PDB file of N, CA and C in Angstrom:
ATOM      1  N   MET A   1    -268.895 -43.671 137.662  1.00  0.00           N
ATOM      2  CA  MET A   1    -268.501 -42.288 137.563  1.00  0.00           C
ATOM      3  C   MET A   1    -267.162 -42.139 136.850  1.00  0.00           C
ATOM      4  N   THR A   2    -266.243 -43.033 137.153  1.00  0.00           N
ATOM      5  CA  THR A   2    -264.951 -42.948 136.488  1.00  0.00           C
ATOM      6  C   THR A   2    -265.083 -43.251 135.001  1.00  0.00           C
ATOM      7  N   HIS A   3    -266.096 -44.004 134.653  1.00  0.00           N
ATOM      8  CA  HIS A   3    -266.331 -44.342 133.258  1.00  0.00           C
ATOM      9  C   HIS A   3    -266.570 -43.071 132.442  1.00  0.00           C
ATOM     10  N   TYR A   4    -267.349 -42.152 132.959  1.00  0.00           N
ATOM     11  CA  TYR A   4    -267.628 -40.899 132.252  1.00  0.00           C
ATOM     12  C   TYR A   4    -266.394 -40.005 132.171  1.00  0.00           C
ATOM     13  N   SER A   5    -265.582 -40.005 133.183  1.00  0.00           N
ATOM     14  CA  SER A   5    -264.382 -39.165 133.152  1.00  0.00           C
ATOM     15  C   SER A   5    -263.398 -39.668 132.085  1.00  0.00           C
ATOM     16  N   TYR A   6    -263.303 -41.000 131.947  1.00  0.00           N
ATOM     17  CA  TYR A   6    -262.441 -41.533 130.895  1.00  0.00           C
ATOM     18  C   TYR A   6    -262.970 -41.172 129.511  1.00  0.00           C
ATOM     19  N   LEU A   7    -264.276 -41.260 129.340  1.00  0.00           N
ATOM     20  CA  LEU A   7    -264.877 -40.899 128.053  1.00  0.00           C
ATOM     21  C   LEU A   7    -264.682 -39.412 127.753  1.00  0.00           C
ATOM     22  N   ASP A   8    -264.838 -38.594 128.775  1.00  0.00           N
ATOM     23  CA  ASP A   8    -264.617 -37.157 128.574  1.00  0.00           C
ATOM     24  C   ASP A   8    -263.169 -36.871 128.209  1.00  0.00           C
ATOM     25  N   GLU A   9    -262.247 -37.563 128.876  1.00  0.00           N
ATOM     26  CA  GLU A   9    -260.823 -37.355 128.603  1.00  0.00           C
ATOM     27  C   GLU A   9    -260.469 -37.814 127.185  1.00  0.00           C
ATOM     28  N   ILE A  10    -261.008 -38.939 126.784  1.00  0.00           N
ATOM     29  CA  ILE A  10    -260.745 -39.452 125.434  1.00  0.00           C
ATOM     30  C   ILE A  10    -261.340 -38.509 124.389  1.00  0.00           C
ATOM     31  N   SER A  11    -262.530 -38.019 124.626  1.00  0.00           N
ATOM     32  CA  SER A  11    -263.164 -37.103 123.661  1.00  0.00           C
ATOM     33  C   SER A  11    -262.390 -35.784 123.575  1.00  0.00           C
ATOM     34  N   LYS A  12    -261.855 -35.298 124.684  1.00  0.00           N
ATOM     35  CA  LYS A  12    -261.031 -34.090 124.651  1.00  0.00           C
ATOM     36  C   LYS A  12    -259.757 -34.323 123.852  1.00  0.00           C
ATOM     37  N   LYS A  13    -259.123 -35.476 124.050  1.00  0.00           N
ATOM     38  CA  LYS A  13    -257.897 -35.776 123.315  1.00  0.00           C
ATOM     39  C   LYS A  13    -258.170 -35.929 121.822  1.00  0.00           C
ATOM     40  N   THR A  14    -259.261 -36.572 121.467  1.00  0.00           N
ATOM     41  CA  THR A  14    -259.586 -36.712 120.047  1.00  0.00           C
ATOM     42  C   THR A  14    -259.911 -35.371 119.418  1.00  0.00           C
ATOM     43  N   ARG A  15    -260.616 -34.533 120.135  1.00  0.00           N
ATOM     44  CA  ARG A  15    -260.933 -33.194 119.638  1.00  0.00           C
ATOM     45  C   ARG A  15    -259.648 -32.379 119.448  1.00  0.00           C
ATOM     46  N   HIS A  16    -258.749 -32.493 120.416  1.00  0.00           N
ATOM     47  CA  HIS A  16    -257.461 -31.801 120.336  1.00  0.00           C
ATOM     48  C   HIS A  16    -256.646 -32.327 119.145  1.00  0.00           C
ATOM     49  N   SER A  17    -256.641 -33.627 118.967  1.00  0.00           N
ATOM     50  CA  SER A  17    -255.921 -34.225 117.846  1.00  0.00           C
ATOM     51  C   SER A  17    -256.530 -33.786 116.509  1.00  0.00           C
ATOM     52  N   GLN A  18    -257.846 -33.738 116.426  1.00  0.00           N
ATOM     53  CA  GLN A  18    -258.510 -33.292 115.200  1.00  0.00           C
ATOM     54  C   GLN A  18    -258.170 -31.842 114.880  1.00  0.00           C
ATOM     55  N   LEU A  19    -258.136 -31.016 115.927  1.00  0.00           N
ATOM     56  CA  LEU A  19    -257.778 -29.610 115.717  1.00  0.00           C
ATOM     57  C   LEU A  19    -256.328 -29.475 115.256  1.00  0.00           C
ATOM     58  N   ASN A  20    -255.439 -30.302 115.807  1.00  0.00           N
ATOM     59  CA  ASN A  20    -254.039 -30.274 115.375  1.00  0.00           C
ATOM     60  C   ASN A  20    -253.912 -30.661 113.904  1.00  0.00           C
ATOM     61  N   TRP A  21    -254.623 -31.721 113.501  1.00  0.00           N
ATOM     62  CA  TRP A  21    -254.570 -32.138 112.097  1.00  0.00           C
ATOM     63  C   TRP A  21    -255.164 -31.069 111.182  1.00  0.00           C
ATOM     64  N   LEU A  22    -256.254 -30.459 111.612  1.00  0.00           N
ATOM     65  CA  LEU A  22    -256.873 -29.397 110.818  1.00  0.00           C
ATOM     66  C   LEU A  22    -255.916 -28.215 110.667  1.00  0.00           C
ATOM     67  N   PHE A  23    -255.247 -27.846 111.737  1.00  0.00           N
ATOM     68  CA  PHE A  23    -254.272 -26.760 111.690  1.00  0.00           C
ATOM     69  C   PHE A  23    -253.112 -27.106 110.758  1.00  0.00           C
ATOM     70  N   LEU A  24    -252.615 -28.332 110.842  1.00  0.00           N
ATOM     71  CA  LEU A  24    -251.503 -28.752 109.993  1.00  0.00           C
ATOM     72  C   LEU A  24    -251.895 -28.733 108.514  1.00  0.00           C
ATOM     73  N   ILE A  25    -253.045 -29.263 108.206  1.00  0.00           N
ATOM     74  CA  ILE A  25    -253.500 -29.280 106.808  1.00  0.00           C
ATOM     75  C   ILE A  25    -253.721 -27.869 106.296  1.00  0.00           C
ATOM     76  N   SER A  26    -254.315 -27.014 107.117  1.00  0.00           N
ATOM     77  CA  SER A  26    -254.538 -25.633 106.673  1.00  0.00           C
ATOM     78  C   SER A  26    -253.211 -24.887 106.511  1.00  0.00           C
ATOM     79  N   LEU A  27    -252.243 -25.156 107.374  1.00  0.00           N
ATOM     80  CA  LEU A  27    -250.936 -24.526 107.260  1.00  0.00           C
ATOM     81  C   LEU A  27    -250.234 -24.956 105.969  1.00  0.00           C
ATOM     82  N   ILE A  28    -250.274 -26.240 105.669  1.00  0.00           N
ATOM     83  CA  ILE A  28    -249.660 -26.737 104.438  1.00  0.00           C
ATOM     84  C   ILE A  28    -250.357 -26.132 103.219  1.00  0.00           C
ATOM     85  N   SER A  29    -251.661 -26.033 103.264  1.00  0.00           N
ATOM     86  CA  SER A  29    -252.405 -25.428 102.147  1.00  0.00           C
ATOM     87  C   SER A  29    -252.026 -23.970 101.951  1.00  0.00           C
ATOM     88  N   MET A  30    -251.892 -23.249 103.037  1.00  0.00           N
ATOM     89  CA  MET A  30    -251.521 -21.833 102.943  1.00  0.00           C
ATOM     90  C   MET A  30    -250.107 -21.679 102.377  1.00  0.00           C
ATOM     91  N   VAL A  31    -249.197 -22.554 102.772  1.00  0.00           N
ATOM     92  CA  VAL A  31    -247.826 -22.497 102.256  1.00  0.00           C
ATOM     93  C   VAL A  31    -247.816 -22.775 100.755  1.00  0.00           C
ATOM     94  N   ILE A  32    -248.578 -23.764 100.324  1.00  0.00           N
ATOM     95  CA  ILE A  32    -248.637 -24.080  98.895  1.00  0.00           C
ATOM     96  C   ILE A  32    -249.227 -22.911  98.116  1.00  0.00           C
ATOM     97  N   ILE A  33    -250.286 -22.320  98.617  1.00  0.00           N
ATOM     98  CA  ILE A  33    -250.896 -21.168  97.939  1.00  0.00           C
ATOM     99  C   ILE A  33    -249.919 -20.004  97.892  1.00  0.00           C
ATOM    100  N   ALA A  34    -249.209 -19.766  98.985  1.00  0.00           N
ATOM    101  CA  ALA A  34    -248.235 -18.668  99.007  1.00  0.00           C
ATOM    102  C   ALA A  34    -247.120 -18.904  97.989  1.00  0.00           C
ATOM    103  N   LEU A  35    -246.633 -20.133  97.891  1.00  0.00           N
ATOM    104  CA  LEU A  35    -245.592 -20.446  96.904  1.00  0.00           C
ATOM    105  C   LEU A  35    -246.098 -20.246  95.484  1.00  0.00           C
ATOM    106  N   LEU A  36    -247.317 -20.655  95.222  1.00  0.00           N
ATOM    107  CA  LEU A  36    -247.884 -20.456  93.884  1.00  0.00           C
ATOM    108  C   LEU A  36    -248.032 -18.975  93.555  1.00  0.00           C
ATOM    109  N   VAL A  37    -248.437 -18.183  94.528  1.00  0.00           N
ATOM    110  CA  VAL A  37    -248.570 -16.741  94.309  1.00  0.00           C
ATOM    111  C   VAL A  37    -247.209 -16.117  94.045  1.00  0.00           C
ATOM    112  N   ILE A  38    -246.214 -16.520  94.813  1.00  0.00           N
ATOM    113  CA  ILE A  38    -244.860 -15.981  94.621  1.00  0.00           C
ATOM    114  C   ILE A  38    -244.331 -16.353  93.242  1.00  0.00           C
ATOM    115  N   ILE A  39    -244.495 -17.603  92.845  1.00  0.00           N
ATOM    116  CA  ILE A  39    -244.025 -18.034  91.525  1.00  0.00           C
ATOM    117  C   ILE A  39    -244.736 -17.263  90.432  1.00  0.00           C
ATOM    118  N   ARG A  40    -246.032 -17.072  90.585  1.00  0.00           N
ATOM    119  CA  ARG A  40    -246.806 -16.345  89.571  1.00  0.00           C
ATOM    120  C   ARG A  40    -246.334 -14.899  89.465  1.00  0.00           C
ATOM    121  N   ARG A  41    -246.116 -14.262  90.593  1.00  0.00           N
ATOM    122  CA  ARG A  41    -245.671 -12.862  90.572  1.00  0.00           C
ATOM    123  C   ARG A  41    -244.290 -12.730  89.957  1.00  0.00           C
ATOM    124  N   GLU A  42    -243.391 -13.658  90.285  1.00  0.00           N
ATOM    125  CA  GLU A  42    -242.043 -13.583  89.721  1.00  0.00           C
ATOM    126  C   GLU A  42    -242.059 -13.800  88.217  1.00  0.00           C
ATOM    127  N   THR A  43    -242.846 -14.732  87.747  1.00  0.00           N
ATOM    128  CA  THR A  43    -242.898 -14.943  86.303  1.00  0.00           C
ATOM    129  C   THR A  43    -243.523 -13.745  85.607  1.00  0.00           C
ATOM    130  N   ASP A  44    -244.560 -13.175  86.200  1.00  0.00           N
ATOM    131  CA  ASP A  44    -245.150 -11.975  85.612  1.00  0.00           C
ATOM    132  C   ASP A  44    -244.139 -10.831  85.596  1.00  0.00           C
ATOM    133  N   PHE A  45    -243.357 -10.720  86.671  1.00  0.00           N
ATOM    134  CA  PHE A  45    -242.346  -9.674  86.746  1.00  0.00           C
ATOM    135  C   PHE A  45    -241.299  -9.861  85.656  1.00  0.00           C
ATOM    136  N   PHE A  46    -240.805 -11.093  85.483  1.00  0.00           N
ATOM    137  CA  PHE A  46    -239.781 -11.326  84.474  1.00  0.00           C
ATOM    138  C   PHE A  46    -240.317 -11.134  83.061  1.00  0.00           C
ATOM    139  N   VAL A  47    -241.567 -11.495  82.843  1.00  0.00           N
ATOM    140  CA  VAL A  47    -242.173 -11.266  81.526  1.00  0.00           C
ATOM    141  C   VAL A  47    -242.299  -9.771  81.269  1.00  0.00           C
ATOM    142  N   ALA A  48    -242.713  -9.023  82.276  1.00  0.00           N
ATOM    143  CA  ALA A  48    -242.842  -7.567  82.114  1.00  0.00           C
ATOM    144  C   ALA A  48    -241.483  -6.930  81.851  1.00  0.00           C
ATOM    145  N   VAL A  49    -240.459  -7.376  82.573  1.00  0.00           N
ATOM    146  CA  VAL A  49    -239.111  -6.837  82.360  1.00  0.00           C
ATOM    147  C   VAL A  49    -238.629  -7.187  80.965  1.00  0.00           C
ATOM    148  N   GLN A  50    -238.882  -8.395  80.541  1.00  0.00           N
ATOM    149  CA  GLN A  50    -238.442  -8.821  79.219  1.00  0.00           C
ATOM    150  C   GLN A  50    -239.126  -7.991  78.132  1.00  0.00           C
ATOM    151  N   LYS A  51    -240.391  -7.688  78.321  1.00  0.00           N
ATOM    152  CA  LYS A  51    -241.112  -6.912  77.310  1.00  0.00           C
ATOM    153  C   LYS A  51    -240.665  -5.460  77.272  1.00  0.00           C
ATOM    154  N   THR A  52    -240.361  -4.883  78.430  1.00  0.00           N
ATOM    155  CA  THR A  52    -240.027  -3.461  78.467  1.00  0.00           C
ATOM    156  C   THR A  52    -238.552  -3.191  78.254  1.00  0.00           C
ATOM    157  N   LYS A  53    -237.673  -4.030  78.767  1.00  0.00           N
ATOM    158  CA  LYS A  53    -236.244  -3.749  78.713  1.00  0.00           C
ATOM    159  C   LYS A  53    -235.623  -4.075  77.364  1.00  0.00           C
ATOM    160  N   THR A  54    -236.065  -5.123  76.740  1.00  0.00           N
ATOM    161  CA  THR A  54    -235.431  -5.535  75.500  1.00  0.00           C
ATOM    162  C   THR A  54    -236.198  -4.992  74.312  1.00  0.00           C
ATOM    163  N   GLY A  55    -235.481  -4.744  73.242  1.00  0.00           N
ATOM    164  CA  GLY A  55    -236.107  -4.257  72.034  1.00  0.00           C
ATOM    165  C   GLY A  55    -236.395  -5.385  71.065  1.00  0.00           C
ATOM    166  N   LEU A  56    -236.714  -6.552  71.584  1.00  0.00           N
ATOM    167  CA  LEU A  56    -236.963  -7.711  70.737  1.00  0.00           C
ATOM    168  C   LEU A  56    -238.382  -7.674  70.192  1.00  0.00           C
ATOM    169  N   SER A  57    -238.517  -8.154  68.993  1.00  0.00           N
ATOM    170  CA  SER A  57    -239.859  -8.279  68.430  1.00  0.00           C
ATOM    171  C   SER A  57    -240.498  -9.542  68.989  1.00  0.00           C
ATOM    172  N   ASN A  58    -241.775  -9.701  68.730  1.00  0.00           N
ATOM    173  CA  ASN A  58    -242.474 -10.884  69.235  1.00  0.00           C
ATOM    174  C   ASN A  58    -241.900 -12.164  68.638  1.00  0.00           C
ATOM    175  N   ASN A  59    -241.549 -12.120  67.360  1.00  0.00           N
ATOM    176  CA  ASN A  59    -240.984 -13.317  66.720  1.00  0.00           C
ATOM    177  C   ASN A  59    -239.646 -13.692  67.340  1.00  0.00           C
ATOM    178  N   GLU A  60    -238.791 -12.712  67.577  1.00  0.00           N
ATOM    179  CA  GLU A  60    -237.498 -13.000  68.198  1.00  0.00           C
ATOM    180  C   GLU A  60    -237.674 -13.550  69.605  1.00  0.00           C
ATOM    181  N   ARG A  61    -238.595 -12.968  70.359  1.00  0.00           N
ATOM    182  CA  ARG A  61    -238.847 -13.434  71.716  1.00  0.00           C
ATOM    183  C   ARG A  61    -239.360 -14.873  71.700  1.00  0.00           C
ATOM    184  N   LEU A  62    -240.255 -15.194  70.759  1.00  0.00           N
ATOM    185  CA  LEU A  62    -240.766 -16.559  70.662  1.00  0.00           C
ATOM    186  C   LEU A  62    -239.664 -17.540  70.282  1.00  0.00           C
ATOM    187  N   GLU A  63    -238.766 -17.130  69.396  1.00  0.00           N
ATOM    188  CA  GLU A  63    -237.649 -18.005  69.033  1.00  0.00           C
ATOM    189  C   GLU A  63    -236.776 -18.298  70.243  1.00  0.00           C
ATOM    190  N   ILE A  64    -236.481 -17.277  71.028  1.00  0.00           N
ATOM    191  CA  ILE A  64    -235.659 -17.460  72.231  1.00  0.00           C
ATOM    192  C   ILE A  64    -236.366 -18.380  73.215  1.00  0.00           C
ATOM    193  N   GLU A  65    -237.668 -18.159  73.432  1.00  0.00           N
ATOM    194  CA  GLU A  65    -238.406 -19.006  74.364  1.00  0.00           C
ATOM    195  C   GLU A  65    -238.435 -20.449  73.887  1.00  0.00           C
ATOM    196  N   ASN A  66    -238.605 -20.660  72.585  1.00  0.00           N
ATOM    197  CA  ASN A  66    -238.615 -22.029  72.057  1.00  0.00           C
ATOM    198  C   ASN A  66    -237.261 -22.698  72.232  1.00  0.00           C
ATOM    199  N   LYS A  67    -236.175 -21.943  72.029  1.00  0.00           N
ATOM    200  CA  LYS A  67    -234.843 -22.513  72.227  1.00  0.00           C
ATOM    201  C   LYS A  67    -234.623 -22.877  73.691  1.00  0.00           C
ATOM    202  N   ILE A  68    -235.062 -22.004  74.583  1.00  0.00           N
ATOM    203  CA  ILE A  68    -234.896 -22.281  76.013  1.00  0.00           C
ATOM    204  C   ILE A  68    -235.704 -23.499  76.412  1.00  0.00           C
ATOM    205  N   LEU A  69    -236.958 -23.557  75.960  1.00  0.00           N
ATOM    206  CA  LEU A  69    -237.795 -24.703  76.305  1.00  0.00           C
ATOM    207  C   LEU A  69    -237.224 -25.987  75.712  1.00  0.00           C
ATOM    208  N   ALA A  70    -236.681 -25.912  74.505  1.00  0.00           N
ATOM    209  CA  ALA A  70    -236.094 -27.107  73.899  1.00  0.00           C
ATOM    210  C   ALA A  70    -234.879 -27.586  74.686  1.00  0.00           C
ATOM    211  N   SER A  71    -234.053 -26.651  75.153  1.00  0.00           N
ATOM    212  CA  SER A  71    -232.881 -27.067  75.933  1.00  0.00           C
ATOM    213  C   SER A  71    -233.300 -27.660  77.270  1.00  0.00           C
ATOM    214  N   TRP A  72    -234.352 -27.112  77.892  1.00  0.00           N
ATOM    215  CA  TRP A  72    -234.841 -27.695  79.145  1.00  0.00           C
ATOM    216  C   TRP A  72    -235.380 -29.095  78.913  1.00  0.00           C
ATOM    217  N   ALA A  73    -236.123 -29.266  77.813  1.00  0.00           N
ATOM    218  CA  ALA A  73    -236.676 -30.590  77.528  1.00  0.00           C
ATOM    219  C   ALA A  73    -235.562 -31.590  77.264  1.00  0.00           C
ATOM    220  N   LYS A  74    -234.526 -31.170  76.513  1.00  0.00           N
ATOM    221  CA  LYS A  74    -233.401 -32.074  76.250  1.00  0.00           C
ATOM    222  C   LYS A  74    -232.712 -32.463  77.554  1.00  0.00           C
ATOM    223  N   ARG A  75    -232.526 -31.477  78.424  1.00  0.00           N
ATOM    224  CA  ARG A  75    -231.852 -31.766  79.690  1.00  0.00           C
ATOM    225  C   ARG A  75    -232.693 -32.720  80.529  1.00  0.00           C
ATOM    226  N   ASP A  76    -234.008 -32.475  80.566  1.00  0.00           N
ATOM    227  CA  ASP A  76    -234.875 -33.331  81.360  1.00  0.00           C
ATOM    228  C   ASP A  76    -234.934 -34.752  80.815  1.00  0.00           C
ATOM    229  N   LEU A  77    -234.875 -34.894  79.508  1.00  0.00           N
ATOM    230  CA  LEU A  77    -234.926 -36.224  78.913  1.00  0.00           C
ATOM    231  C   LEU A  77    -233.568 -36.906  78.896  1.00  0.00           C
ATOM    232  N   GLY A  78    -232.507 -36.185  79.172  1.00  0.00           N
ATOM    233  CA  GLY A  78    -231.172 -36.771  79.195  1.00  0.00           C
ATOM    234  C   GLY A  78    -230.559 -36.895  77.811  1.00  0.00           C
ATOM    235  N   LEU A  79    -231.080 -36.137  76.838  1.00  0.00           N
ATOM    236  CA  LEU A  79    -230.575 -36.259  75.476  1.00  0.00           C
ATOM    237  C   LEU A  79    -229.184 -35.659  75.334  1.00  0.00           C
ATOM    238  N   GLU A  80    -228.911 -34.585  76.051  1.00  0.00           N
ATOM    239  CA  GLU A  80    -227.591 -33.961  75.956  1.00  0.00           C
ATOM    240  C   GLU A  80    -226.518 -34.904  76.485  1.00  0.00           C
ATOM    241  N   GLU A  81    -226.800 -35.572  77.595  1.00  0.00           N
ATOM    242  CA  GLU A  81    -225.823 -36.501  78.148  1.00  0.00           C
ATOM    243  C   GLU A  81    -225.597 -37.658  77.189  1.00  0.00           C
ATOM    244  N   ARG A  82    -226.661 -38.131  76.556  1.00  0.00           N
ATOM    245  CA  ARG A  82    -226.534 -39.236  75.609  1.00  0.00           C
ATOM    246  C   ARG A  82    -225.665 -38.832  74.425  1.00  0.00           C
ATOM    247  N   GLU A  83    -225.876 -37.614  73.924  1.00  0.00           N
ATOM    248  CA  GLU A  83    -225.081 -37.137  72.797  1.00  0.00           C
ATOM    249  C   GLU A  83    -223.603 -37.009  73.177  1.00  0.00           C
ATOM    250  N   GLU A  84    -223.330 -36.532  74.395  1.00  0.00           N
ATOM    251  CA  GLU A  84    -221.940 -36.418  74.842  1.00  0.00           C
ATOM    252  C   GLU A  84    -221.279 -37.793  74.962  1.00  0.00           C
ATOM    253  N   ILE A  85    -222.013 -38.764  75.477  1.00  0.00           N
ATOM    254  CA  ILE A  85    -221.468 -40.114  75.600  1.00  0.00           C
ATOM    255  C   ILE A  85    -221.212 -40.704  74.217  1.00  0.00           C
ATOM    256  N   GLU A  86    -222.141 -40.493  73.294  1.00  0.00           N
ATOM    257  CA  GLU A  86    -221.945 -41.015  71.941  1.00  0.00           C
ATOM    258  C   GLU A  86    -220.753 -40.342  71.271  1.00  0.00           C
ATOM    259  N   LYS A  87    -220.545 -39.052  71.535  1.00  0.00           N
ATOM    260  CA  LYS A  87    -219.374 -38.368  70.974  1.00  0.00           C
ATOM    261  C   LYS A  87    -218.086 -38.986  71.505  1.00  0.00           C
ATOM    262  N   ARG A  88    -218.055 -39.256  72.819  1.00  0.00           N
ATOM    263  CA  ARG A  88    -216.841 -39.822  73.405  1.00  0.00           C
ATOM    264  C   ARG A  88    -216.597 -41.251  72.951  1.00  0.00           C
ATOM    265  N   VAL A  89    -217.649 -42.051  72.929  1.00  0.00           N
ATOM    266  CA  VAL A  89    -217.486 -43.463  72.603  1.00  0.00           C
ATOM    267  C   VAL A  89    -217.265 -43.668  71.111  1.00  0.00           C
ATOM    268  N   LEU A  90    -218.119 -43.049  70.292  1.00  0.00           N
ATOM    269  CA  LEU A  90    -218.042 -43.270  68.853  1.00  0.00           C
ATOM    270  C   LEU A  90    -217.047 -42.343  68.164  1.00  0.00           C
ATOM    271  N   GLY A  91    -216.769 -41.216  68.775  1.00  0.00           N
ATOM    272  CA  GLY A  91    -215.842 -40.263  68.188  1.00  0.00           C
ATOM    273  C   GLY A  91    -216.441 -39.467  67.057  1.00  0.00           C
ATOM    274  N   ILE A  92    -217.775 -39.409  67.001  1.00  0.00           N
ATOM    275  CA  ILE A  92    -218.432 -38.639  65.947  1.00  0.00           C
ATOM    276  C   ILE A  92    -219.511 -37.775  66.579  1.00  0.00           C
ATOM    277  N   ASP A  93    -219.855 -36.731  65.847  1.00  0.00           N
ATOM    278  CA  ASP A  93    -220.934 -35.865  66.303  1.00  0.00           C
ATOM    279  C   ASP A  93    -222.242 -36.423  65.768  1.00  0.00           C
ATOM    280  N   VAL A  94    -223.180 -36.704  66.655  1.00  0.00           N
ATOM    281  CA  VAL A  94    -224.434 -37.339  66.279  1.00  0.00           C
ATOM    282  C   VAL A  94    -225.252 -36.439  65.368  1.00  0.00           C
ATOM    283  N   ASN A  95    -225.173 -35.133  65.567  1.00  0.00           N
ATOM    284  CA  ASN A  95    -225.964 -34.208  64.755  1.00  0.00           C
ATOM    285  C   ASN A  95    -225.446 -34.110  63.327  1.00  0.00           C
ATOM    286  N   GLU A  96    -224.180 -34.430  63.107  1.00  0.00           N
ATOM    287  CA  GLU A  96    -223.599 -34.302  61.784  1.00  0.00           C
ATOM    288  C   GLU A  96    -223.675 -35.592  60.976  1.00  0.00           C
ATOM    289  N   VAL A  97    -224.095 -36.679  61.602  1.00  0.00           N
ATOM    290  CA  VAL A  97    -224.163 -37.958  60.909  1.00  0.00           C
ATOM    291  C   VAL A  97    -225.385 -37.957  59.998  1.00  0.00           C
ATOM    292  N   GLU A  98    -225.177 -38.385  58.760  1.00  0.00           N
ATOM    293  CA  GLU A  98    -226.275 -38.467  57.816  1.00  0.00           C
ATOM    294  C   GLU A  98    -226.632 -39.927  57.595  1.00  0.00           C
ATOM    295  N   ALA A  99    -227.877 -40.164  57.316  1.00  0.00           N
ATOM    296  CA  ALA A  99    -228.319 -41.527  57.062  1.00  0.00           C
ATOM    297  C   ALA A  99    -227.898 -41.942  55.667  1.00  0.00           C
ATOM    298  N   LYS A 100    -227.363 -43.143  55.566  1.00  0.00           N
ATOM    299  CA  LYS A 100    -226.945 -43.671  54.279  1.00  0.00           C
ATOM    300  C   LYS A 100    -227.967 -44.703  53.828  1.00  0.00           C
ATOM    301  N   THR A 101    -228.241 -44.699  52.528  1.00  0.00           N
ATOM    302  CA  THR A 101    -229.150 -45.705  51.996  1.00  0.00           C
ATOM    303  C   THR A 101    -228.322 -46.888  51.515  1.00  0.00           C
ATOM    304  N   LEU A 102    -228.826 -48.063  51.780  1.00  0.00           N
ATOM    305  CA  LEU A 102    -228.118 -49.270  51.400  1.00  0.00           C
ATOM    306  C   LEU A 102    -228.529 -49.692  49.996  1.00  0.00           C
ATOM    307  N   SER A 103    -227.570 -50.194  49.301  1.00  0.00           N
ATOM    308  CA  SER A 103    -227.881 -50.722  47.972  1.00  0.00           C
ATOM    309  C   SER A 103    -228.530 -52.090  48.127  1.00  0.00           C
ATOM    310  N   ALA A 104    -229.084 -52.590  47.017  1.00  0.00           N
ATOM    311  CA  ALA A 104    -229.756 -53.886  47.056  1.00  0.00           C
ATOM    312  C   ALA A 104    -228.771 -54.995  47.394  1.00  0.00           C
ATOM    313  N   GLU A 105    -227.532 -54.898  46.889  1.00  0.00           N
ATOM    314  CA  GLU A 105    -226.521 -55.913  47.183  1.00  0.00           C
ATOM    315  C   GLU A 105    -226.167 -55.940  48.665  1.00  0.00           C
ATOM    316  N   ASP A 106    -226.053 -54.736  49.269  1.00  0.00           N
ATOM    317  CA  ASP A 106    -225.740 -54.666  50.700  1.00  0.00           C
ATOM    318  C   ASP A 106    -226.873 -55.253  51.535  1.00  0.00           C
ATOM    319  N   LYS A 107    -228.105 -54.974  51.127  1.00  0.00           N
ATOM    320  CA  LYS A 107    -229.248 -55.514  51.855  1.00  0.00           C
ATOM    321  C   LYS A 107    -229.262 -57.045  51.800  1.00  0.00           C
ATOM    322  N   LYS A 108    -228.959 -57.596  50.621  1.00  0.00           N
ATOM    323  CA  LYS A 108    -228.928 -59.058  50.478  1.00  0.00           C
ATOM    324  C   LYS A 108    -227.809 -59.657  51.316  1.00  0.00           C
ATOM    325  N   ALA A 109    -226.680 -58.985  51.346  1.00  0.00           N
ATOM    326  CA  ALA A 109    -225.540 -59.485  52.137  1.00  0.00           C
ATOM    327  C   ALA A 109    -225.877 -59.496  53.620  1.00  0.00           C
ATOM    328  N   ILE A 110    -226.539 -58.456  54.070  1.00  0.00           N
ATOM    329  CA  ILE A 110    -226.934 -58.384  55.482  1.00  0.00           C
ATOM    330  C   ILE A 110    -227.961 -59.451  55.802  1.00  0.00           C
ATOM    331  N   GLU A 111    -228.936 -59.664  54.904  1.00  0.00           N
ATOM    332  CA  GLU A 111    -229.943 -60.692  55.117  1.00  0.00           C
ATOM    333  C   GLU A 111    -229.318 -62.087  55.179  1.00  0.00           C
ATOM    334  N   GLU A 112    -228.312 -62.335  54.315  1.00  0.00           N
ATOM    335  CA  GLU A 112    -227.649 -63.629  54.332  1.00  0.00           C
ATOM    336  C   GLU A 112    -226.874 -63.847  55.621  1.00  0.00           C
ATOM    337  N   LYS A 113    -226.259 -62.786  56.120  1.00  0.00           N
ATOM    338  CA  LYS A 113    -225.519 -62.908  57.393  1.00  0.00           C
ATOM    339  C   LYS A 113    -226.459 -63.207  58.548  1.00  0.00           C
ATOM    340  N   LEU A 114    -227.661 -62.640  58.483  1.00  0.00           N
ATOM    341  CA  LEU A 114    -228.624 -62.840  59.565  1.00  0.00           C
ATOM    342  C   LEU A 114    -229.245 -64.237  59.547  1.00  0.00           C
ATOM    343  N   LYS A 115    -229.223 -64.902  58.406  1.00  0.00           N
ATOM    344  CA  LYS A 115    -229.833 -66.252  58.320  1.00  0.00           C
ATOM    345  C   LYS A 115    -228.995 -67.289  58.931  1.00  0.00           C
TER     346      LYS A 115
END
């Protein structure tokens, strides 16, 4: 008889645990969906404000968006920090440096040094 009571108790605990996990997963899913909805609404709101408030043409707006996206990409890739370090270490602006072509004599001299 006690054998059945233990089985019943274990089955109740497992059922309770399953319900807790189901509740937790559903709660996390609802939070993620709510965050996505909020982000979507805010971006739609800012796009609507940008279209109505500013007198920018589509080309100007696209140029601004491309500049913003380019700066975000540079920041994410760490290119801005690299350029600042190169400016400090080398003392030159990386964007202003032009590539120089080597003459045949310079190429031969470099090849001889490498041998």
